[in-house]
């Protein structure tokens, strides 16, 4: 956070921001282009011509920047188009309307990460190159020097990475952008001229596909489940994608693990759905599946507890004790008071589903887990009171192990 005082002085309170600004020391010009937006332009950058902030504004939806890039291309402008969205800065560098290279602060867009994600080299090979890298030699050159890649291969990788950053840029749905008409050839890692119009045409298609996929594969609400079957014939990326799907993660959650970008994730998902390899689960289906999983797990733990006493007659005593605990209200939990175990002490899905339906909390499944945890803790306490000391700790460990998947699943 930076505070501009009424007298025009600038105050930096955040240590992280101060450290960031220190890395960009020098002379800057402040350009105010629209209300509530300030653009800082560096004055001592080694570029060409007389740089100026030509365009700036906010991005309102995916595809918003296509017209901006069209204008840059048709006007044969040279300069940097910079976007900032969700903490990620992307930069497209143009020379006379042609895209020369793209940069991104996203972790997945680092050259090493990109090479790993594309399965071009192994982690061991990449680590070897990184250890050999020096401040005056780029990673691509090191990979060539070590014989891990050829010059043309590095060029193709950089081109592919530039394309991906370009598509991610035009796919930005919210954020800020500015275009500064300056061009510094020294910052280019390779002499690369790309057909911007062809990229735009492909970008428009991707935006249309993205809108279509968003309608058929809701990113936040829908979850994915794998249809059982062999994974022969699928690419490494597809196999990793299928391995990450656990029946609980939404597509956004899968993307957080895969780090492929939303448009590529949607394309991959749609392709695998068409093949019948995965299926889309609605929020309601996932809630039902989660409730069943919770009930099954807690019933498994309850059975361990109820069958633990050496005398079988004690099972009935434990069941009665559990019912008295629920009815007494000593637990001070109104939701727990609605719990109605069956005659044998097991939980019923119908009862849990009714409690779920009546709850007003935002995360109702977690509420159910909390309530059942309180109940089973009491049941475990009573069972251990009836067991020899040498059997108490093993029972507690078994119960905790049986519920560990539920506690770790963030249901």
Protein backbone atom coordinates (compact mmCIF):
# COMPACT_ATOMS: atom_id res chain seq x y z
CA UNK A 1 0.00 0.00 0.00
CA UNK A 2 1.31 3.45 -0.98
CA UNK A 3 -0.25 6.58 0.56
CA UNK A 4 -0.08 9.92 -1.26
CA UNK A 5 -0.31 12.64 1.36
CA UNK A 6 -2.26 15.92 0.78
CA UNK A 7 1.07 17.75 0.28
CA UNK A 8 1.99 15.36 -2.57
CA UNK A 9 4.58 13.35 -0.65
CA UNK A 10 4.52 9.55 -0.86
CA UNK A 11 4.48 7.28 2.18
CA UNK A 12 5.30 3.56 1.95
CA UNK A 13 4.23 1.63 5.04
CA UNK A 14 4.47 -1.93 3.78
CA UNK A 15 7.97 -3.47 3.91
CA UNK A 16 7.22 -5.76 0.96
CA UNK A 17 6.15 -2.84 -1.21
CA UNK A 18 9.21 -0.86 -0.14
CA UNK A 19 11.47 -3.76 -1.12
CA UNK A 20 9.71 -4.00 -4.46
CA UNK A 21 10.17 -0.28 -5.14
CA UNK A 22 13.86 -0.52 -4.24
CA UNK A 23 14.36 -2.94 -7.10
CA UNK A 24 12.98 -0.28 -9.44
CA UNK A 25 14.93 2.73 -8.23
CA UNK A 26 15.51 5.51 -10.71
CA UNK A 27 13.69 8.40 -12.34
CA UNK A 28 10.01 7.93 -13.10
CA UNK A 29 7.29 10.09 -14.57
CA UNK A 30 3.73 9.80 -13.23
CA UNK A 31 1.07 9.76 -15.95
CA UNK A 32 -2.57 10.06 -14.87
CA UNK A 33 -4.67 8.73 -17.71
CA UNK A 34 -8.04 7.92 -16.19
CA UNK A 35 -9.53 8.58 -12.74
CA UNK A 36 -8.23 6.31 -9.99
CA UNK A 37 -5.34 5.02 -12.12
CA UNK A 38 -1.71 6.19 -12.03
CA UNK A 39 0.92 4.86 -14.42
CA UNK A 40 4.60 5.17 -13.50
CA UNK A 41 6.86 5.47 -16.53
CA UNK A 42 10.62 4.98 -16.21
CA UNK A 43 12.66 7.78 -17.76
CA UNK A 44 16.16 6.30 -17.77
CA UNK A 45 15.28 3.08 -19.60
CA UNK A 46 17.59 2.31 -22.54
CA UNK A 47 15.00 2.30 -25.29
CA UNK A 48 14.55 4.15 -28.54
CA UNK A 49 12.49 7.18 -29.54
CA UNK A 50 10.41 9.32 -27.21
CA UNK A 51 8.38 6.90 -25.08
CA UNK A 52 4.90 7.87 -23.92
CA UNK A 53 1.93 6.16 -22.29
CA UNK A 54 -0.46 5.85 -25.20
CA UNK A 55 -3.19 3.63 -23.75
CA UNK A 56 -4.32 2.55 -20.31
CA UNK A 57 -7.48 1.40 -18.64
CA UNK A 58 -9.24 -1.50 -16.97
CA UNK A 59 -10.12 -4.92 -18.39
CA UNK A 60 -13.78 -5.84 -18.01
CA UNK A 61 -14.05 -9.30 -19.58
CA UNK A 62 -12.06 -11.97 -21.45
CA UNK A 63 -11.26 -10.76 -24.96
CA UNK A 64 -11.31 -7.11 -23.90
CA UNK A 65 -7.71 -6.64 -25.04
CA UNK A 66 -8.20 -8.06 -28.54
CA UNK A 67 -9.23 -4.67 -29.95
CA UNK A 68 -6.30 -3.00 -28.19
CA UNK A 69 -3.85 -5.44 -29.76
CA UNK A 70 -5.59 -5.03 -33.11
CA UNK A 71 -5.01 -1.29 -32.88
CA UNK A 72 -1.33 -1.79 -31.99
CA UNK A 73 -0.87 -4.18 -34.91
CA UNK A 74 -2.73 -2.15 -37.54
CA UNK A 75 -0.97 1.05 -36.44
CA UNK A 76 2.40 -0.73 -36.58
CA UNK A 77 3.26 0.54 -33.11
CA UNK A 78 6.31 -0.45 -31.09
CA UNK A 79 6.15 -0.74 -27.34
CA UNK A 80 5.07 -2.74 -24.31
CA UNK A 81 1.51 -3.79 -23.52
CA UNK A 82 1.41 -4.60 -19.80
CA UNK A 83 -1.50 -6.19 -17.96
CA UNK A 84 -1.88 -6.75 -14.23
CA UNK A 85 -4.52 -9.22 -13.10
CA UNK A 86 -4.85 -11.14 -9.83
CA UNK A 87 -1.28 -10.37 -8.86
CA UNK A 88 0.20 -11.54 -12.18
CA UNK A 89 1.86 -9.12 -14.58
CA UNK A 90 2.12 -10.02 -18.25
CA UNK A 91 3.99 -8.02 -20.88
CA UNK A 92 3.72 -8.27 -24.66
CA UNK A 93 6.55 -6.56 -26.56
CA UNK A 94 5.73 -5.31 -30.08
CA UNK A 95 7.96 -3.94 -32.82
CA UNK A 96 6.07 -2.19 -35.63
CA UNK A 97 2.97 -4.19 -34.77
CA UNK A 98 4.70 -7.57 -34.70
CA UNK A 99 4.84 -9.51 -31.45
CA UNK A 100 8.47 -10.09 -30.56
CA UNK A 101 8.28 -11.73 -27.15
CA UNK A 102 6.14 -12.01 -24.02
CA UNK A 103 6.96 -12.02 -20.32
CA UNK A 104 4.95 -13.11 -17.30
CA UNK A 105 5.47 -13.15 -13.54
CA UNK A 106 3.35 -16.28 -13.18
CA UNK A 107 5.37 -19.16 -11.72
CA UNK A 108 4.11 -21.50 -14.44
CA UNK A 109 5.49 -19.15 -17.14
CA UNK A 110 9.09 -19.29 -15.98
CA UNK A 111 11.17 -21.02 -18.64
CA UNK A 112 12.19 -23.84 -16.31
CA UNK A 113 8.62 -24.43 -15.10
CA UNK A 114 7.36 -24.31 -18.67
CA UNK A 115 9.92 -26.92 -19.77
CA UNK A 116 8.89 -29.19 -16.89
CA UNK A 117 5.16 -28.78 -17.55
CA UNK A 118 5.69 -29.70 -21.20
CA UNK A 119 7.76 -32.75 -20.16
CA UNK A 120 10.62 -31.55 -22.40
CA UNK A 121 13.27 -32.32 -19.77
CA UNK A 122 13.30 -34.13 -16.45
CA UNK A 123 13.61 -32.24 -13.17
CA UNK A 124 17.09 -33.68 -12.72
CA UNK A 125 18.20 -32.34 -16.11
CA UNK A 126 16.71 -28.94 -15.41
CA UNK A 127 18.32 -28.76 -11.96
CA UNK A 128 21.68 -29.51 -13.55
CA UNK A 129 21.20 -26.60 -15.97
CA UNK A 130 20.08 -24.22 -13.24
CA UNK A 131 23.19 -25.03 -11.17
CA UNK A 132 25.35 -24.25 -14.20
CA UNK A 133 23.59 -20.97 -14.95
CA UNK A 134 25.43 -17.70 -14.32
CA UNK A 135 24.25 -14.11 -14.17
CA UNK A 136 25.55 -13.36 -17.66
CA UNK A 137 24.10 -16.43 -19.38
CA UNK A 138 20.42 -17.14 -20.01
CA UNK A 139 18.95 -20.54 -19.15
CA UNK A 140 18.29 -21.31 -22.82
CA UNK A 141 21.95 -20.88 -23.69
CA UNK A 142 22.98 -23.06 -20.75
CA UNK A 143 20.67 -25.84 -21.96
CA UNK A 144 22.31 -25.65 -25.39
CA UNK A 145 25.84 -25.59 -23.93
CA UNK A 146 25.09 -28.70 -21.86
CA UNK A 147 23.74 -30.50 -24.90
CA UNK A 148 20.31 -30.92 -23.32
CA UNK A 149 18.58 -28.98 -26.09
CA UNK A 150 19.50 -27.62 -29.50
CA UNK A 151 19.27 -23.98 -30.48
CA UNK A 152 16.17 -24.54 -32.67
CA UNK A 153 14.50 -26.44 -29.81
CA UNK A 154 15.07 -23.53 -27.41
CA UNK A 155 13.66 -21.14 -30.00
CA UNK A 156 10.54 -23.29 -30.43
CA UNK A 157 10.10 -23.47 -26.66
CA UNK A 158 10.35 -19.68 -26.33
CA UNK A 159 7.90 -19.27 -29.19
CA UNK A 160 5.45 -21.69 -27.61
CA UNK A 161 5.81 -19.97 -24.23
CA UNK A 162 5.25 -16.57 -25.89
CA UNK A 163 2.09 -17.86 -27.55
CA UNK A 164 0.75 -19.18 -24.25
CA UNK A 165 1.37 -15.87 -22.48
CA UNK A 166 -0.29 -14.06 -25.39
CA UNK A 167 -3.42 -16.23 -25.14
CA UNK A 168 -3.46 -15.88 -21.35
CA UNK A 169 -3.22 -12.10 -21.77
CA UNK A 170 -6.21 -11.76 -24.07
CA UNK A 171 -8.07 -14.19 -21.81
CA UNK A 172 -7.69 -11.88 -18.79
CA UNK A 173 -11.17 -11.11 -17.47
CA UNK A 174 -10.37 -8.35 -15.00
CA UNK A 175 -7.45 -6.12 -14.21
CA UNK A 176 -5.54 -3.11 -15.57
CA UNK A 177 -3.51 -2.53 -18.72
CA UNK A 178 -1.29 0.14 -20.26
CA UNK A 179 0.67 0.48 -23.49
CA UNK A 180 3.89 2.50 -23.55
CA UNK A 181 5.37 3.32 -26.96
CA UNK A 182 8.97 2.37 -26.33
CA UNK A 183 11.01 -0.54 -27.61
CA UNK A 184 14.16 -1.89 -25.99
CA UNK A 185 15.78 -4.59 -28.13
CA UNK A 186 18.22 -5.38 -25.33
CA UNK A 187 15.42 -6.99 -23.32
CA UNK A 188 14.59 -9.53 -26.03
CA UNK A 189 15.88 -13.04 -25.29
CA UNK A 190 15.67 -14.03 -28.96
CA UNK A 191 15.08 -12.49 -32.35
CA UNK A 192 11.48 -13.55 -32.80
CA UNK A 193 8.84 -12.10 -35.09
CA UNK A 194 5.39 -13.60 -34.72
CA UNK A 195 2.29 -13.17 -36.86
CA UNK A 196 0.12 -11.15 -34.52
CA UNK A 197 -2.94 -11.32 -36.76
CA UNK A 198 -2.76 -15.12 -36.84
CA UNK A 199 -2.40 -15.15 -33.05
CA UNK A 200 -5.42 -12.85 -32.73
CA UNK A 201 -7.54 -15.10 -34.96
CA UNK A 202 -6.61 -18.10 -32.83
CA UNK A 203 -7.19 -15.99 -29.71
CA UNK A 204 -10.72 -15.06 -30.82
CA UNK A 205 -11.45 -18.75 -31.36
CA UNK A 206 -10.12 -19.56 -27.89
CA UNK A 207 -12.25 -16.84 -26.31
CA UNK A 208 -15.34 -18.27 -28.06
CA UNK A 209 -14.38 -21.77 -26.93
CA UNK A 210 -13.79 -20.46 -23.40
CA UNK A 211 -17.29 -18.97 -23.28
CA UNK A 212 -18.76 -22.22 -24.60
CA UNK A 213 -16.78 -24.36 -22.16
CA UNK A 214 -17.68 -22.08 -19.26
CA UNK A 215 -21.34 -22.76 -20.02
CA UNK A 216 -20.88 -26.53 -20.17
CA UNK A 217 -18.16 -26.88 -17.53
CA UNK A 218 -18.78 -24.33 -14.74
CA UNK A 219 -15.37 -23.57 -13.25
CA UNK A 220 -16.40 -22.92 -9.66
CA UNK A 221 -19.56 -24.93 -9.12
CA UNK A 222 -18.96 -28.15 -11.02
CA UNK A 223 -16.66 -30.89 -9.83
CA UNK A 224 -15.10 -33.66 -11.86
CA UNK A 225 -15.10 -37.41 -11.44
CA UNK A 226 -13.05 -39.95 -13.39
CA UNK A 227 -14.76 -42.77 -15.22
CA UNK A 228 -12.81 -45.95 -14.38
CA UNK A 229 -10.73 -47.29 -17.24
CA UNK A 230 -7.17 -47.72 -18.54
CA UNK A 231 -5.10 -44.62 -19.24
CA UNK A 232 -3.20 -46.05 -22.20
CA UNK A 233 -2.93 -43.74 -25.18
CA UNK A 234 -3.28 -40.50 -23.21
CA UNK A 235 -0.65 -37.77 -23.08
CA UNK A 236 1.37 -37.07 -19.93
CA UNK A 237 -0.66 -33.92 -19.32
CA UNK A 238 -3.95 -35.82 -19.66
CA UNK A 239 -2.75 -38.55 -17.30
CA UNK A 240 -1.62 -36.01 -14.69
CA UNK A 241 -4.95 -34.23 -15.07
CA UNK A 242 -6.87 -37.45 -14.42
CA UNK A 243 -4.68 -38.26 -11.42
CA UNK A 244 -5.47 -34.89 -9.80
CA UNK A 245 -9.23 -35.38 -10.13
CA UNK A 246 -10.49 -36.81 -6.86
CA UNK A 247 -14.24 -36.32 -7.16
CA UNK A 248 -14.17 -33.35 -4.79
CA UNK A 249 -12.06 -30.67 -6.50
CA UNK A 250 -13.77 -28.22 -8.79
CA UNK A 251 -12.09 -27.40 -12.10
CA UNK A 252 -10.64 -24.30 -10.44
CA UNK A 253 -9.15 -26.54 -7.77
CA UNK A 254 -7.64 -28.85 -10.38
CA UNK A 255 -6.21 -25.81 -12.19
CA UNK A 256 -4.54 -24.67 -8.95
CA UNK A 257 -2.62 -27.96 -8.92
CA UNK A 258 -1.97 -28.28 -12.66
CA UNK A 259 -1.18 -24.59 -13.33
CA UNK A 260 -2.00 -24.86 -17.03
CA UNK A 261 -4.20 -21.77 -17.30
CA UNK A 262 -7.99 -21.67 -17.30
CA UNK A 263 -8.44 -21.76 -21.09
CA UNK A 264 -6.17 -24.77 -21.53
CA UNK A 265 -7.81 -26.50 -18.56
CA UNK A 266 -11.27 -25.95 -20.02
CA UNK A 267 -10.17 -27.21 -23.42
CA UNK A 268 -8.63 -30.32 -21.87
CA UNK A 269 -11.70 -30.93 -19.71
CA UNK A 270 -14.09 -30.55 -22.61
CA UNK A 271 -12.02 -32.97 -24.73
CA UNK A 272 -11.99 -35.63 -22.00
CA UNK A 273 -15.70 -35.16 -21.30
CA UNK A 274 -16.43 -35.73 -24.99
CA UNK A 275 -14.35 -38.93 -24.83
CA UNK A 276 -16.31 -40.11 -21.80
CA UNK A 277 -13.19 -40.29 -19.65
CA UNK A 278 -14.49 -37.83 -17.05
CA UNK A 279 -17.93 -36.64 -16.08
CA UNK A 280 -19.17 -33.36 -14.69
CA UNK A 281 -20.86 -33.52 -11.32
CA UNK A 282 -23.28 -30.77 -10.39
CA UNK A 283 -23.06 -29.05 -7.03
CA UNK A 284 -26.08 -31.05 -5.86
CA UNK A 285 -24.53 -34.34 -6.96
CA UNK A 286 -21.30 -33.47 -5.19
CA UNK A 287 -23.16 -32.55 -2.00
CA UNK A 288 -24.94 -35.89 -2.04
CA UNK A 289 -21.67 -37.71 -2.73
CA UNK A 290 -19.90 -35.84 0.07
CA UNK A 291 -22.70 -36.57 2.54
CA UNK A 292 -22.56 -40.28 1.69
CA UNK A 293 -18.79 -40.26 2.09
CA UNK A 294 -19.08 -38.57 5.50
CA UNK A 295 -21.77 -40.96 6.75
CA UNK A 296 -19.87 -44.02 5.52
CA UNK A 297 -16.61 -42.89 7.16
CA UNK A 298 -18.18 -42.07 10.50
CA UNK A 299 -20.19 -45.30 10.52
CA UNK A 300 -16.97 -47.23 9.95
CA UNK A 301 -15.41 -45.43 12.92
CA UNK A 302 -18.54 -45.97 15.05
CA UNK A 303 -18.51 -49.70 14.33
CA UNK A 304 -14.91 -49.87 15.60
CA UNK A 305 -16.02 -48.15 18.81
CA UNK A 306 -19.25 -50.13 19.35
CA UNK A 307 -17.57 -53.49 18.77
CA UNK A 308 -14.51 -52.72 20.90
CA UNK A 309 -15.73 -53.80 24.41
CA UNK A 310 -14.91 -57.45 25.24
CA UNK A 311 -18.49 -58.05 26.45
CA UNK A 312 -20.98 -57.87 23.50
CA UNK A 313 -23.72 -56.68 25.86
CA UNK A 314 -21.78 -53.46 26.36
CA UNK A 315 -22.63 -52.45 22.79
CA UNK A 316 -26.19 -51.69 23.85
CA UNK A 317 -24.88 -49.66 26.77
CA UNK A 318 -22.74 -47.57 24.42
CA UNK A 319 -25.68 -46.97 22.07
CA UNK A 320 -27.86 -45.83 24.98
CA UNK A 321 -25.10 -43.59 26.31
CA UNK A 322 -24.82 -41.95 22.91
CA UNK A 323 -28.57 -41.29 22.74
CA UNK A 324 -28.59 -39.83 26.25
CA UNK A 325 -25.71 -37.52 25.31
CA UNK A 326 -27.66 -36.26 22.30
CA UNK A 327 -30.91 -35.83 24.23
CA UNK A 328 -29.40 -34.19 27.33
CA UNK A 329 -28.12 -31.16 25.45
CA UNK A 330 -25.02 -31.07 27.64
CA UNK A 331 -22.98 -30.72 24.45
CA UNK A 332 -24.57 -27.27 23.95
CA UNK A 333 -25.00 -27.88 20.23
CA UNK A 334 -28.48 -27.46 18.75
CA UNK A 335 -27.50 -29.18 15.51
CA UNK A 336 -26.15 -32.21 17.37
CA UNK A 337 -29.51 -32.47 19.18
CA UNK A 338 -31.10 -33.36 15.82
CA UNK A 339 -28.89 -36.41 15.40
CA UNK A 340 -30.90 -39.67 15.49
CA UNK A 341 -28.75 -42.83 15.33
CA UNK A 342 -30.44 -46.06 14.28
CA UNK A 343 -31.30 -48.91 16.68
CA UNK A 344 -27.82 -50.38 16.26
CA UNK A 345 -26.16 -47.03 16.90
CA UNK A 346 -25.23 -46.36 13.27
CA UNK A 347 -25.88 -43.09 11.46
CA UNK A 348 -28.55 -42.92 8.78
CA UNK A 349 -28.12 -40.96 5.56
CA UNK A 350 -31.74 -39.78 5.73
CA UNK A 351 -31.19 -38.20 9.16
CA UNK A 352 -27.93 -36.53 8.10
CA UNK A 353 -29.51 -35.29 4.88
CA UNK A 354 -32.38 -33.73 6.89
CA UNK A 355 -29.91 -31.94 9.20
CA UNK A 356 -28.02 -30.74 6.14
CA UNK A 357 -31.20 -29.41 4.50
CA UNK A 358 -32.22 -27.42 7.59
CA UNK A 359 -28.78 -25.87 8.19
CA UNK A 360 -28.28 -22.22 7.27
CA UNK A 361 -24.50 -22.17 7.56
CA UNK A 362 -22.48 -21.39 4.44
CA UNK A 363 -20.52 -24.67 4.46
CA UNK A 364 -23.07 -27.21 5.56
CA UNK A 365 -20.97 -30.31 4.92
CA UNK A 366 -18.25 -29.03 7.23
CA UNK A 367 -20.95 -28.36 9.82
CA UNK A 368 -22.02 -32.02 9.58
CA UNK A 369 -18.42 -33.16 10.00
CA UNK A 370 -17.98 -30.96 13.09
CA UNK A 371 -21.19 -32.26 14.67
CA UNK A 372 -20.34 -35.90 14.02
CA UNK A 373 -16.81 -35.36 15.32
CA UNK A 374 -18.23 -34.09 18.60
CA UNK A 375 -20.57 -37.09 18.81
CA UNK A 376 -17.96 -39.71 17.98
CA UNK A 377 -15.50 -38.16 20.44
CA UNK A 378 -18.02 -38.78 23.22
CA UNK A 379 -18.63 -42.34 22.01
CA UNK A 380 -14.88 -43.04 21.89
CA UNK A 381 -14.47 -41.64 25.41
CA UNK A 382 -17.19 -43.98 26.74
CA UNK A 383 -15.79 -47.02 24.95
CA UNK A 384 -12.27 -46.42 26.27
CA UNK A 385 -13.67 -46.25 29.81
CA UNK A 386 -14.77 -49.89 29.32
CA UNK A 387 -11.48 -51.12 27.86
CA UNK A 388 -8.21 -52.25 29.48
CA UNK A 389 -5.49 -49.60 29.31
CA UNK A 390 -3.46 -51.51 26.74
CA UNK A 391 -6.39 -51.44 24.27
CA UNK A 392 -7.37 -47.80 24.68
CA UNK A 393 -4.62 -46.18 22.63
CA UNK A 394 -4.86 -48.67 19.71
CA UNK A 395 -8.61 -48.04 19.46
CA UNK A 396 -8.13 -44.28 19.44
CA UNK A 397 -5.47 -44.59 16.71
CA UNK A 398 -7.72 -46.81 14.55
CA UNK A 399 -10.64 -44.40 14.82
CA UNK A 400 -8.50 -41.41 13.96
CA UNK A 401 -6.96 -43.22 10.99
CA UNK A 402 -10.38 -44.16 9.63
CA UNK A 403 -11.45 -40.49 9.68
CA UNK A 404 -8.19 -38.95 8.53
CA UNK A 405 -9.27 -38.84 4.87
CA UNK A 406 -12.43 -36.91 5.80
CA UNK A 407 -10.53 -34.43 7.96
CA UNK A 408 -7.90 -33.90 5.25
CA UNK A 409 -10.36 -33.52 2.38
CA UNK A 410 -11.54 -29.98 3.27
CA UNK A 411 -15.13 -31.06 2.75
